[in-house]
Amino acid sequence: MSIFNHRSINSSRNLLFGVATIAVLLGLGGCAGMSNQDKNTAAGAGIGAVGGAVLTGGSAIGTVGGAAVGGIIGREISK
């Protein structure tokens, strides 16, 4: 019998996802002195990170990849 069961792993992932989402939202609150292009880049990176994490089941590579793609898209949209 394993120490970690399926339920505890899913609970840990849900907690990590919730904490990451809150951190992104709080981080976006510090964008008051940024240009619109910088704000869109940050928002795109945050949304991309959450999307990448969801699509890959919390994979670090998926999260970072989603943030990179989202940041690029957010920057290009604001040009």
PDB file of N, CA and C in Angstrom:
ATOM      1  N   MET A   1       0.839  -1.180   0.000  1.00  0.00           N
ATOM      2  CA  MET A   1       0.000   0.000   0.000  1.00  0.00           C
ATOM      3  C   MET A   1       0.885   1.246   0.000  1.00  0.00           C
ATOM      4  N   SER A   2       0.573   2.198  -0.824  1.00  0.00           N
ATOM      5  CA  SER A   2       1.359   3.413  -0.963  1.00  0.00           C
ATOM      6  C   SER A   2       0.973   4.432   0.110  1.00  0.00           C
ATOM      7  N   ILE A   3       1.965   5.222   0.497  1.00  0.00           N
ATOM      8  CA  ILE A   3       1.697   6.309   1.455  1.00  0.00           C
ATOM      9  C   ILE A   3       0.784   7.343   0.811  1.00  0.00           C
ATOM     10  N   PHE A   4       1.037   7.629  -0.466  1.00  0.00           N
ATOM     11  CA  PHE A   4       0.245   8.622  -1.179  1.00  0.00           C
ATOM     12  C   PHE A   4      -0.819   7.912  -2.001  1.00  0.00           C
ATOM     13  N   ASN A   5      -2.038   8.276  -1.782  1.00  0.00           N
ATOM     14  CA  ASN A   5      -3.090   7.701  -2.601  1.00  0.00           C
ATOM     15  C   ASN A   5      -3.522   8.710  -3.660  1.00  0.00           C
ATOM     16  N   HIS A   6      -4.347   8.285  -4.550  1.00  0.00           N
ATOM     17  CA  HIS A   6      -4.776   9.113  -5.675  1.00  0.00           C
ATOM     18  C   HIS A   6      -5.456  10.401  -5.198  1.00  0.00           C
ATOM     19  N   ARG A   7      -6.231  10.309  -4.146  1.00  0.00           N
ATOM     20  CA  ARG A   7      -6.966  11.466  -3.646  1.00  0.00           C
ATOM     21  C   ARG A   7      -6.014  12.542  -3.111  1.00  0.00           C
ATOM     22  N   SER A   8      -4.964  12.154  -2.382  1.00  0.00           N
ATOM     23  CA  SER A   8      -4.055  13.149  -1.827  1.00  0.00           C
ATOM     24  C   SER A   8      -3.246  13.830  -2.918  1.00  0.00           C
ATOM     25  N   ILE A   9      -2.909  13.112  -3.989  1.00  0.00           N
ATOM     26  CA  ILE A   9      -2.177  13.725  -5.093  1.00  0.00           C
ATOM     27  C   ILE A   9      -3.059  14.746  -5.799  1.00  0.00           C
ATOM     28  N   ASN A  10      -4.322  14.417  -6.053  1.00  0.00           N
ATOM     29  CA  ASN A  10      -5.232  15.372  -6.689  1.00  0.00           C
ATOM     30  C   ASN A  10      -5.471  16.583  -5.804  1.00  0.00           C
ATOM     31  N   SER A  11      -5.560  16.388  -4.495  1.00  0.00           N
ATOM     32  CA  SER A  11      -5.745  17.515  -3.582  1.00  0.00           C
ATOM     33  C   SER A  11      -4.533  18.430  -3.609  1.00  0.00           C
ATOM     34  N   SER A  12      -3.353  17.840  -3.678  1.00  0.00           N
ATOM     35  CA  SER A  12      -2.126  18.638  -3.748  1.00  0.00           C
ATOM     36  C   SER A  12      -2.071  19.449  -5.035  1.00  0.00           C
ATOM     37  N   ARG A  13      -2.458  18.839  -6.140  1.00  0.00           N
ATOM     38  CA  ARG A  13      -2.471  19.566  -7.418  1.00  0.00           C
ATOM     39  C   ARG A  13      -3.476  20.700  -7.385  1.00  0.00           C
ATOM     40  N   ASN A  14      -4.653  20.453  -6.821  1.00  0.00           N
ATOM     41  CA  ASN A  14      -5.664  21.509  -6.739  1.00  0.00           C
ATOM     42  C   ASN A  14      -5.182  22.656  -5.869  1.00  0.00           C
ATOM     43  N   LEU A  15      -4.519  22.342  -4.770  1.00  0.00           N
ATOM     44  CA  LEU A  15      -3.988  23.385  -3.901  1.00  0.00           C
ATOM     45  C   LEU A  15      -2.914  24.185  -4.629  1.00  0.00           C
ATOM     46  N   LEU A  16      -2.008  23.506  -5.322  1.00  0.00           N
ATOM     47  CA  LEU A  16      -0.949  24.184  -6.065  1.00  0.00           C
ATOM     48  C   LEU A  16      -1.541  25.078  -7.146  1.00  0.00           C
ATOM     49  N   PHE A  17      -2.533  24.583  -7.855  1.00  0.00           N
ATOM     50  CA  PHE A  17      -3.185  25.380  -8.896  1.00  0.00           C
ATOM     51  C   PHE A  17      -3.839  26.626  -8.297  1.00  0.00           C
ATOM     52  N   GLY A  18      -4.512  26.478  -7.171  1.00  0.00           N
ATOM     53  CA  GLY A  18      -5.154  27.619  -6.515  1.00  0.00           C
ATOM     54  C   GLY A  18      -4.149  28.659  -6.050  1.00  0.00           C
ATOM     55  N   VAL A  19      -3.054  28.203  -5.469  1.00  0.00           N
ATOM     56  CA  VAL A  19      -2.013  29.124  -5.003  1.00  0.00           C
ATOM     57  C   VAL A  19      -1.377  29.846  -6.182  1.00  0.00           C
ATOM     58  N   ALA A  20      -1.113  29.122  -7.269  1.00  0.00           N
ATOM     59  CA  ALA A  20      -0.519  29.749  -8.455  1.00  0.00           C
ATOM     60  C   ALA A  20      -1.456  30.783  -9.058  1.00  0.00           C
ATOM     61  N   THR A  21      -2.738  30.480  -9.095  1.00  0.00           N
ATOM     62  CA  THR A  21      -3.715  31.423  -9.636  1.00  0.00           C
ATOM     63  C   THR A  21      -3.774  32.693  -8.801  1.00  0.00           C
ATOM     64  N   ILE A  22      -3.794  32.548  -7.496  1.00  0.00           N
ATOM     65  CA  ILE A  22      -3.826  33.715  -6.603  1.00  0.00           C
ATOM     66  C   ILE A  22      -2.555  34.534  -6.757  1.00  0.00           C
ATOM     67  N   ALA A  23      -1.405  33.877  -6.875  1.00  0.00           N
ATOM     68  CA  ALA A  23      -0.141  34.592  -7.036  1.00  0.00           C
ATOM     69  C   ALA A  23      -0.128  35.408  -8.328  1.00  0.00           C
ATOM     70  N   VAL A  24      -0.657  34.824  -9.396  1.00  0.00           N
ATOM     71  CA  VAL A  24      -0.719  35.548 -10.670  1.00  0.00           C
ATOM     72  C   VAL A  24      -1.625  36.764 -10.542  1.00  0.00           C
ATOM     73  N   LEU A  25      -2.774  36.585  -9.942  1.00  0.00           N
ATOM     74  CA  LEU A  25      -3.714  37.706  -9.807  1.00  0.00           C
ATOM     75  C   LEU A  25      -3.145  38.818  -8.929  1.00  0.00           C
ATOM     76  N   LEU A  26      -2.482  38.461  -7.845  1.00  0.00           N
ATOM     77  CA  LEU A  26      -1.862  39.474  -6.992  1.00  0.00           C
ATOM     78  C   LEU A  26      -0.700  40.154  -7.698  1.00  0.00           C
ATOM     79  N   GLY A  27       0.035  39.398  -8.472  1.00  0.00           N
ATOM     80  CA  GLY A  27       1.142  39.974  -9.232  1.00  0.00           C
ATOM     81  C   GLY A  27       0.671  40.982 -10.257  1.00  0.00           C
ATOM     82  N   LEU A  28      -0.471  40.725 -10.862  1.00  0.00           N
ATOM     83  CA  LEU A  28      -1.012  41.659 -11.843  1.00  0.00           C
ATOM     84  C   LEU A  28      -1.486  42.956 -11.193  1.00  0.00           C
ATOM     85  N   GLY A  29      -1.736  42.917  -9.899  1.00  0.00           N
ATOM     86  CA  GLY A  29      -2.125  44.136  -9.184  1.00  0.00           C
ATOM     87  C   GLY A  29      -1.010  45.158  -9.121  1.00  0.00           C
ATOM     88  N   GLY A  30       0.224  44.738  -9.310  1.00  0.00           N
ATOM     89  CA  GLY A  30       1.368  45.648  -9.269  1.00  0.00           C
ATOM     90  C   GLY A  30       1.678  46.278 -10.609  1.00  0.00           C
ATOM     91  N   CYS A  31       0.748  46.277 -11.532  1.00  0.00           N
ATOM     92  CA  CYS A  31       0.990  46.767 -12.894  1.00  0.00           C
ATOM     93  C   CYS A  31       0.606  48.233 -13.090  1.00  0.00           C
ATOM     94  N   ALA A  32       0.456  48.990 -12.035  1.00  0.00           N
ATOM     95  CA  ALA A  32      -0.056  50.347 -12.158  1.00  0.00           C
ATOM     96  C   ALA A  32       0.847  51.248 -12.994  1.00  0.00           C
ATOM     97  N   GLY A  33       2.165  51.102 -12.877  1.00  0.00           N
ATOM     98  CA  GLY A  33       3.074  51.985 -13.597  1.00  0.00           C
ATOM     99  C   GLY A  33       3.542  51.421 -14.925  1.00  0.00           C
ATOM    100  N   MET A  34       2.907  50.395 -15.400  1.00  0.00           N
ATOM    101  CA  MET A  34       3.348  49.742 -16.636  1.00  0.00           C
ATOM    102  C   MET A  34       2.587  50.282 -17.839  1.00  0.00           C
ATOM    103  N   SER A  35       3.218  50.176 -19.018  1.00  0.00           N
ATOM    104  CA  SER A  35       2.533  50.565 -20.247  1.00  0.00           C
ATOM    105  C   SER A  35       1.476  49.504 -20.580  1.00  0.00           C
ATOM    106  N   ASN A  36       0.599  49.833 -21.507  1.00  0.00           N
ATOM    107  CA  ASN A  36      -0.432  48.879 -21.913  1.00  0.00           C
ATOM    108  C   ASN A  36       0.183  47.624 -22.509  1.00  0.00           C
ATOM    109  N   GLN A  37       1.264  47.784 -23.270  1.00  0.00           N
ATOM    110  CA  GLN A  37       1.913  46.623 -23.873  1.00  0.00           C
ATOM    111  C   GLN A  37       2.497  45.716 -22.788  1.00  0.00           C
ATOM    112  N   ASP A  38       3.110  46.312 -21.764  1.00  0.00           N
ATOM    113  CA  ASP A  38       3.662  45.514 -20.670  1.00  0.00           C
ATOM    114  C   ASP A  38       2.556  44.810 -19.878  1.00  0.00           C
ATOM    115  N   LYS A  39       1.456  45.504 -19.666  1.00  0.00           N
ATOM    116  CA  LYS A  39       0.325  44.894 -18.964  1.00  0.00           C
ATOM    117  C   LYS A  39      -0.229  43.704 -19.747  1.00  0.00           C
ATOM    118  N   ASN A  40      -0.371  43.879 -21.061  1.00  0.00           N
ATOM    119  CA  ASN A  40      -0.891  42.794 -21.887  1.00  0.00           C
ATOM    120  C   ASN A  40       0.076  41.613 -21.922  1.00  0.00           C
ATOM    121  N   THR A  41       1.374  41.893 -21.913  1.00  0.00           N
ATOM    122  CA  THR A  41       2.367  40.819 -21.886  1.00  0.00           C
ATOM    123  C   THR A  41       2.258  40.035 -20.584  1.00  0.00           C
ATOM    124  N   ALA A  42       2.167  40.756 -19.468  1.00  0.00           N
ATOM    125  CA  ALA A  42       2.055  40.091 -18.164  1.00  0.00           C
ATOM    126  C   ALA A  42       0.753  39.301 -18.052  1.00  0.00           C
ATOM    127  N   ALA A  43      -0.339  39.890 -18.508  1.00  0.00           N
ATOM    128  CA  ALA A  43      -1.625  39.190 -18.450  1.00  0.00           C
ATOM    129  C   ALA A  43      -1.598  37.948 -19.342  1.00  0.00           C
ATOM    130  N   GLY A  44      -1.034  38.072 -20.523  1.00  0.00           N
ATOM    131  CA  GLY A  44      -0.930  36.926 -21.421  1.00  0.00           C
ATOM    132  C   GLY A  44      -0.083  35.822 -20.824  1.00  0.00           C
ATOM    133  N   ALA A  45       1.020  36.193 -20.163  1.00  0.00           N
ATOM    134  CA  ALA A  45       1.879  35.197 -19.529  1.00  0.00           C
ATOM    135  C   ALA A  45       1.156  34.492 -18.388  1.00  0.00           C
ATOM    136  N   GLY A  46       0.412  35.248 -17.603  1.00  0.00           N
ATOM    137  CA  GLY A  46      -0.341  34.645 -16.498  1.00  0.00           C
ATOM    138  C   GLY A  46      -1.418  33.696 -16.980  1.00  0.00           C
ATOM    139  N   ILE A  47      -2.168  34.139 -17.964  1.00  0.00           N
ATOM    140  CA  ILE A  47      -3.238  33.302 -18.514  1.00  0.00           C
ATOM    141  C   ILE A  47      -2.645  32.076 -19.208  1.00  0.00           C
ATOM    142  N   GLY A  48      -1.550  32.291 -19.924  1.00  0.00           N
ATOM    143  CA  GLY A  48      -0.888  31.169 -20.597  1.00  0.00           C
ATOM    144  C   GLY A  48      -0.340  30.151 -19.616  1.00  0.00           C
ATOM    145  N   ALA A  49       0.207  30.625 -18.492  1.00  0.00           N
ATOM    146  CA  ALA A  49       0.741  29.716 -17.479  1.00  0.00           C
ATOM    147  C   ALA A  49      -0.370  28.854 -16.884  1.00  0.00           C
ATOM    148  N   VAL A  50      -1.483  29.472 -16.562  1.00  0.00           N
ATOM    149  CA  VAL A  50      -2.608  28.718 -16.007  1.00  0.00           C
ATOM    150  C   VAL A  50      -3.141  27.735 -17.050  1.00  0.00           C
ATOM    151  N   GLY A  51      -3.285  28.199 -18.282  1.00  0.00           N
ATOM    152  CA  GLY A  51      -3.764  27.318 -19.343  1.00  0.00           C
ATOM    153  C   GLY A  51      -2.819  26.154 -19.599  1.00  0.00           C
ATOM    154  N   GLY A  52      -1.525  26.442 -19.620  1.00  0.00           N
ATOM    155  CA  GLY A  52      -0.542  25.386 -19.817  1.00  0.00           C
ATOM    156  C   GLY A  52      -0.551  24.372 -18.691  1.00  0.00           C
ATOM    157  N   ALA A  53      -0.724  24.851 -17.463  1.00  0.00           N
ATOM    158  CA  ALA A  53      -0.781  23.945 -16.310  1.00  0.00           C
ATOM    159  C   ALA A  53      -2.017  23.052 -16.384  1.00  0.00           C
ATOM    160  N   VAL A  54      -3.130  23.628 -16.759  1.00  0.00           N
ATOM    161  CA  VAL A  54      -4.370  22.853 -16.847  1.00  0.00           C
ATOM    162  C   VAL A  54      -4.277  21.815 -17.953  1.00  0.00           C
ATOM    163  N   LEU A  55      -3.781  22.211 -19.106  1.00  0.00           N
ATOM    164  CA  LEU A  55      -3.729  21.301 -20.254  1.00  0.00           C
ATOM    165  C   LEU A  55      -2.739  20.159 -20.062  1.00  0.00           C
ATOM    166  N   THR A  56      -1.694  20.385 -19.266  1.00  0.00           N
ATOM    167  CA  THR A  56      -0.678  19.346 -19.085  1.00  0.00           C
ATOM    168  C   THR A  56      -0.753  18.684 -17.718  1.00  0.00           C
ATOM    169  N   GLY A  57      -1.806  18.930 -16.973  1.00  0.00           N
ATOM    170  CA  GLY A  57      -1.963  18.289 -15.674  1.00  0.00           C
ATOM    171  C   GLY A  57      -1.000  18.802 -14.622  1.00  0.00           C
ATOM    172  N   GLY A  58      -0.581  20.043 -14.711  1.00  0.00           N
ATOM    173  CA  GLY A  58       0.303  20.633 -13.710  1.00  0.00           C
ATOM    174  C   GLY A  58       1.777  20.480 -14.021  1.00  0.00           C
ATOM    175  N   SER A  59       2.116  20.073 -15.219  1.00  0.00           N
ATOM    176  CA  SER A  59       3.515  19.905 -15.615  1.00  0.00           C
ATOM    177  C   SER A  59       4.238  21.245 -15.598  1.00  0.00           C
ATOM    178  N   ALA A  60       5.458  21.254 -15.062  1.00  0.00           N
ATOM    179  CA  ALA A  60       6.238  22.487 -15.027  1.00  0.00           C
ATOM    180  C   ALA A  60       6.567  22.967 -16.438  1.00  0.00           C
ATOM    181  N   ILE A  61       6.890  22.038 -17.325  1.00  0.00           N
ATOM    182  CA  ILE A  61       7.208  22.409 -18.703  1.00  0.00           C
ATOM    183  C   ILE A  61       5.981  23.010 -19.388  1.00  0.00           C
ATOM    184  N   GLY A  62       4.809  22.445 -19.152  1.00  0.00           N
ATOM    185  CA  GLY A  62       3.588  22.982 -19.728  1.00  0.00           C
ATOM    186  C   GLY A  62       3.257  24.363 -19.193  1.00  0.00           C
ATOM    187  N   THR A  63       3.496  24.569 -17.905  1.00  0.00           N
ATOM    188  CA  THR A  63       3.235  25.869 -17.290  1.00  0.00           C
ATOM    189  C   THR A  63       4.160  26.939 -17.851  1.00  0.00           C
ATOM    190  N   VAL A  64       5.457  26.633 -17.907  1.00  0.00           N
ATOM    191  CA  VAL A  64       6.433  27.600 -18.434  1.00  0.00           C
ATOM    192  C   VAL A  64       6.201  27.849 -19.921  1.00  0.00           C
ATOM    193  N   GLY A  65       5.924  26.784 -20.666  1.00  0.00           N
ATOM    194  CA  GLY A  65       5.642  26.944 -22.089  1.00  0.00           C
ATOM    195  C   GLY A  65       4.403  27.775 -22.334  1.00  0.00           C
ATOM    196  N   GLY A  66       3.367  27.539 -21.547  1.00  0.00           N
ATOM    197  CA  GLY A  66       2.147  28.336 -21.671  1.00  0.00           C
ATOM    198  C   GLY A  66       2.379  29.796 -21.342  1.00  0.00           C
ATOM    199  N   ALA A  67       3.206  30.051 -20.327  1.00  0.00           N
ATOM    200  CA  ALA A  67       3.524  31.436 -19.960  1.00  0.00           C
ATOM    201  C   ALA A  67       4.279  32.133 -21.084  1.00  0.00           C
ATOM    202  N   ALA A  68       5.221  31.428 -21.683  1.00  0.00           N
ATOM    203  CA  ALA A  68       6.005  32.019 -22.772  1.00  0.00           C
ATOM    204  C   ALA A  68       5.118  32.340 -23.976  1.00  0.00           C
ATOM    205  N   VAL A  69       4.316  31.384 -24.374  1.00  0.00           N
ATOM    206  CA  VAL A  69       3.436  31.601 -25.530  1.00  0.00           C
ATOM    207  C   VAL A  69       2.410  32.693 -25.227  1.00  0.00           C
ATOM    208  N   GLY A  70       1.835  32.656 -24.019  1.00  0.00           N
ATOM    209  CA  GLY A  70       0.855  33.686 -23.647  1.00  0.00           C
ATOM    210  C   GLY A  70       1.457  35.075 -23.593  1.00  0.00           C
ATOM    211  N   GLY A  71       2.686  35.175 -23.096  1.00  0.00           N
ATOM    212  CA  GLY A  71       3.364  36.475 -23.051  1.00  0.00           C
ATOM    213  C   GLY A  71       3.620  37.029 -24.437  1.00  0.00           C
ATOM    214  N   ILE A  72       4.053  36.166 -25.350  1.00  0.00           N
ATOM    215  CA  ILE A  72       4.301  36.609 -26.722  1.00  0.00           C
ATOM    216  C   ILE A  72       2.999  37.058 -27.385  1.00  0.00           C
ATOM    217  N   ILE A  73       1.940  36.286 -27.198  1.00  0.00           N
ATOM    218  CA  ILE A  73       0.652  36.654 -27.800  1.00  0.00           C
ATOM    219  C   ILE A  73       0.146  37.969 -27.204  1.00  0.00           C
ATOM    220  N   GLY A  74       0.243  38.113 -25.876  1.00  0.00           N
ATOM    221  CA  GLY A  74      -0.205  39.357 -25.236  1.00  0.00           C
ATOM    222  C   GLY A  74       0.578  40.558 -25.720  1.00  0.00           C
ATOM    223  N   ARG A  75       1.868  40.411 -25.926  1.00  0.00           N
ATOM    224  CA  ARG A  75       2.707  41.514 -26.411  1.00  0.00           C
ATOM    225  C   ARG A  75       2.346  41.872 -27.854  1.00  0.00           C
ATOM    226  N   GLU A  76       2.124  40.860 -28.690  1.00  0.00           N
ATOM    227  CA  GLU A  76       1.818  41.122 -30.101  1.00  0.00           C
ATOM    228  C   GLU A  76       0.424  41.738 -30.285  1.00  0.00           C
ATOM    229  N   ILE A  77      -0.515  41.363 -29.453  1.00  0.00           N
ATOM    230  CA  ILE A  77      -1.863  41.914 -29.568  1.00  0.00           C
ATOM    231  C   ILE A  77      -1.870  43.412 -29.288  1.00  0.00           C
ATOM    232  N   SER A  78      -1.002  43.863 -28.397  1.00  0.00           N
ATOM    233  CA  SER A  78      -1.024  45.262 -27.986  1.00  0.00           C
ATOM    234  C   SER A  78      -0.225  46.170 -28.907  1.00  0.00           C
ATOM    235  N   LYS A  79       0.367  45.654 -29.972  1.00  0.00           N
ATOM    236  CA  LYS A  79       1.140  46.512 -30.885  1.00  0.00           C
ATOM    237  C   LYS A  79       0.256  47.317 -31.770  1.00  0.00           C
TER     238      LYS A  79
END
